[in-house]
Amino acid sequence: SENMHIVANEPSLALYRLQEHVRKALPPMVERRIEVTKLQHELQGRCYDVEYA
């Protein structure tokens, strides 16, 4: 509720908090996305191996 009070009364602070959150949350999400993409390519290769074995 205190955060909502801040958001309602101080838009620039609210935008700062949002930016702060995005800067903290984005790098781990990007790393996870890269990891998932690598695993997807690895899985596709193994599925290909199984189909043509």
N, C-alpha and C. Protein backbone atom coordinates (compact mmCIF):
# COMPACT_ATOMS: atom_id res chain seq x y z
N SER A 1 0.82 -1.19 0.00
CA SER A 1 0.00 0.00 0.00
C SER A 1 0.87 1.26 0.00
N GLU A 2 2.02 1.17 0.66
CA GLU A 2 2.92 2.32 0.65
C GLU A 2 3.44 2.57 -0.76
N ASN A 3 3.72 1.48 -1.48
CA ASN A 3 4.19 1.62 -2.86
C ASN A 3 3.13 2.26 -3.74
N MET A 4 1.88 1.89 -3.54
CA MET A 4 0.80 2.50 -4.32
C MET A 4 0.69 3.98 -4.01
N HIS A 5 0.89 4.35 -2.77
CA HIS A 5 0.88 5.76 -2.39
C HIS A 5 2.00 6.52 -3.10
N ILE A 6 3.16 5.90 -3.17
CA ILE A 6 4.30 6.51 -3.86
C ILE A 6 3.98 6.65 -5.35
N VAL A 7 3.43 5.59 -5.94
CA VAL A 7 3.10 5.62 -7.37
C VAL A 7 2.10 6.71 -7.67
N ALA A 8 1.10 6.84 -6.81
CA ALA A 8 0.05 7.83 -7.05
C ALA A 8 0.57 9.26 -6.90
N ASN A 9 1.50 9.46 -6.00
CA ASN A 9 1.93 10.82 -5.70
C ASN A 9 3.26 11.22 -6.32
N GLU A 10 4.02 10.27 -6.78
CA GLU A 10 5.35 10.58 -7.28
C GLU A 10 5.64 9.76 -8.53
N PRO A 11 5.09 10.16 -9.69
CA PRO A 11 5.28 9.37 -10.92
C PRO A 11 6.75 9.18 -11.30
N SER A 12 7.59 10.18 -11.09
CA SER A 12 8.99 10.02 -11.48
C SER A 12 9.67 8.97 -10.61
N LEU A 13 9.33 8.91 -9.34
CA LEU A 13 9.89 7.88 -8.46
C LEU A 13 9.36 6.51 -8.86
N ALA A 14 8.10 6.45 -9.24
CA ALA A 14 7.52 5.18 -9.69
C ALA A 14 8.24 4.68 -10.93
N LEU A 15 8.51 5.57 -11.87
CA LEU A 15 9.23 5.17 -13.08
C LEU A 15 10.65 4.74 -12.75
N TYR A 16 11.26 5.41 -11.79
CA TYR A 16 12.60 5.01 -11.36
C TYR A 16 12.58 3.60 -10.78
N ARG A 17 11.59 3.32 -9.92
CA ARG A 17 11.48 1.98 -9.32
C ARG A 17 11.24 0.93 -10.39
N LEU A 18 10.42 1.25 -11.37
CA LEU A 18 10.15 0.32 -12.47
C LEU A 18 11.43 0.05 -13.26
N GLN A 19 12.17 1.10 -13.57
CA GLN A 19 13.43 0.96 -14.29
C GLN A 19 14.43 0.14 -13.47
N GLU A 20 14.48 0.38 -12.18
CA GLU A 20 15.36 -0.36 -11.29
C GLU A 20 15.02 -1.85 -11.32
N HIS A 21 13.74 -2.16 -11.27
CA HIS A 21 13.29 -3.56 -11.31
C HIS A 21 13.67 -4.22 -12.63
N VAL A 22 13.44 -3.53 -13.73
CA VAL A 22 13.75 -4.09 -15.05
C VAL A 22 15.25 -4.34 -15.17
N ARG A 23 16.06 -3.41 -14.71
CA ARG A 23 17.52 -3.58 -14.79
C ARG A 23 18.01 -4.76 -13.96
N LYS A 24 17.32 -5.06 -12.86
CA LYS A 24 17.71 -6.20 -12.03
C LYS A 24 17.18 -7.51 -12.61
N ALA A 25 15.98 -7.48 -13.16
CA ALA A 25 15.31 -8.71 -13.60
C ALA A 25 15.73 -9.14 -15.00
N LEU A 26 16.09 -8.22 -15.85
CA LEU A 26 16.35 -8.55 -17.25
C LEU A 26 17.57 -9.43 -17.49
N PRO A 27 18.73 -9.15 -16.91
CA PRO A 27 19.90 -10.00 -17.20
C PRO A 27 19.69 -11.49 -16.89
N PRO A 28 19.12 -11.86 -15.73
CA PRO A 28 18.87 -13.29 -15.51
C PRO A 28 17.89 -13.89 -16.52
N MET A 29 16.91 -13.09 -16.94
CA MET A 29 15.95 -13.59 -17.93
C MET A 29 16.64 -13.83 -19.27
N VAL A 30 17.53 -12.94 -19.65
CA VAL A 30 18.27 -13.10 -20.91
C VAL A 30 19.16 -14.33 -20.84
N GLU A 31 19.85 -14.51 -19.71
CA GLU A 31 20.70 -15.69 -19.55
C GLU A 31 19.88 -16.97 -19.64
N ARG A 32 18.71 -16.97 -19.02
CA ARG A 32 17.84 -18.15 -19.06
C ARG A 32 17.37 -18.42 -20.48
N ARG A 33 17.05 -17.37 -21.21
CA ARG A 33 16.60 -17.51 -22.60
C ARG A 33 17.72 -18.13 -23.45
N ILE A 34 18.95 -17.67 -23.26
CA ILE A 34 20.09 -18.22 -24.00
C ILE A 34 20.26 -19.69 -23.66
N GLU A 35 20.15 -20.03 -22.39
CA GLU A 35 20.28 -21.43 -21.95
C GLU A 35 19.19 -22.30 -22.58
N VAL A 36 17.97 -21.81 -22.60
CA VAL A 36 16.86 -22.57 -23.19
C VAL A 36 17.09 -22.76 -24.68
N THR A 37 17.57 -21.74 -25.37
CA THR A 37 17.84 -21.85 -26.80
C THR A 37 18.92 -22.89 -27.08
N LYS A 38 19.98 -22.89 -26.27
CA LYS A 38 21.04 -23.90 -26.44
C LYS A 38 20.50 -25.30 -26.22
N LEU A 39 19.69 -25.47 -25.18
CA LEU A 39 19.11 -26.78 -24.90
C LEU A 39 18.17 -27.22 -26.02
N GLN A 40 17.44 -26.28 -26.59
CA GLN A 40 16.53 -26.60 -27.69
C GLN A 40 17.32 -27.10 -28.90
N HIS A 41 18.42 -26.44 -29.23
CA HIS A 41 19.24 -26.88 -30.36
C HIS A 41 19.85 -28.25 -30.09
N GLU A 42 20.30 -28.47 -28.87
CA GLU A 42 20.87 -29.76 -28.50
C GLU A 42 19.82 -30.86 -28.60
N LEU A 43 18.62 -30.57 -28.14
CA LEU A 43 17.53 -31.55 -28.21
C LEU A 43 17.15 -31.85 -29.65
N GLN A 44 17.12 -30.84 -30.50
CA GLN A 44 16.81 -31.07 -31.91
C GLN A 44 17.85 -31.99 -32.54
N GLY A 45 19.12 -31.78 -32.21
CA GLY A 45 20.18 -32.63 -32.74
C GLY A 45 20.03 -34.06 -32.28
N ARG A 46 19.67 -34.25 -31.02
CA ARG A 46 19.51 -35.61 -30.51
C ARG A 46 18.28 -36.28 -31.10
N CYS A 47 17.22 -35.53 -31.32
CA CYS A 47 16.02 -36.09 -31.95
C CYS A 47 16.36 -36.53 -33.38
N TYR A 48 17.16 -35.73 -34.07
CA TYR A 48 17.59 -36.09 -35.42
C TYR A 48 18.39 -37.39 -35.38
N ASP A 49 19.30 -37.50 -34.41
CA ASP A 49 20.11 -38.71 -34.28
C ASP A 49 19.23 -39.93 -34.02
N VAL A 50 18.21 -39.78 -33.20
CA VAL A 50 17.32 -40.90 -32.87
C VAL A 50 16.50 -41.30 -34.10
N GLU A 51 16.03 -40.33 -34.86
CA GLU A 51 15.21 -40.63 -36.03
C GLU A 51 16.00 -41.37 -37.11
N TYR A 52 17.27 -41.04 -37.25
CA TYR A 52 18.06 -41.61 -38.33
C TYR A 52 19.08 -42.63 -37.84
N ALA A 53 18.89 -43.15 -36.64
CA ALA A 53 19.81 -44.17 -36.11
C ALA A 53 19.42 -45.55 -36.60
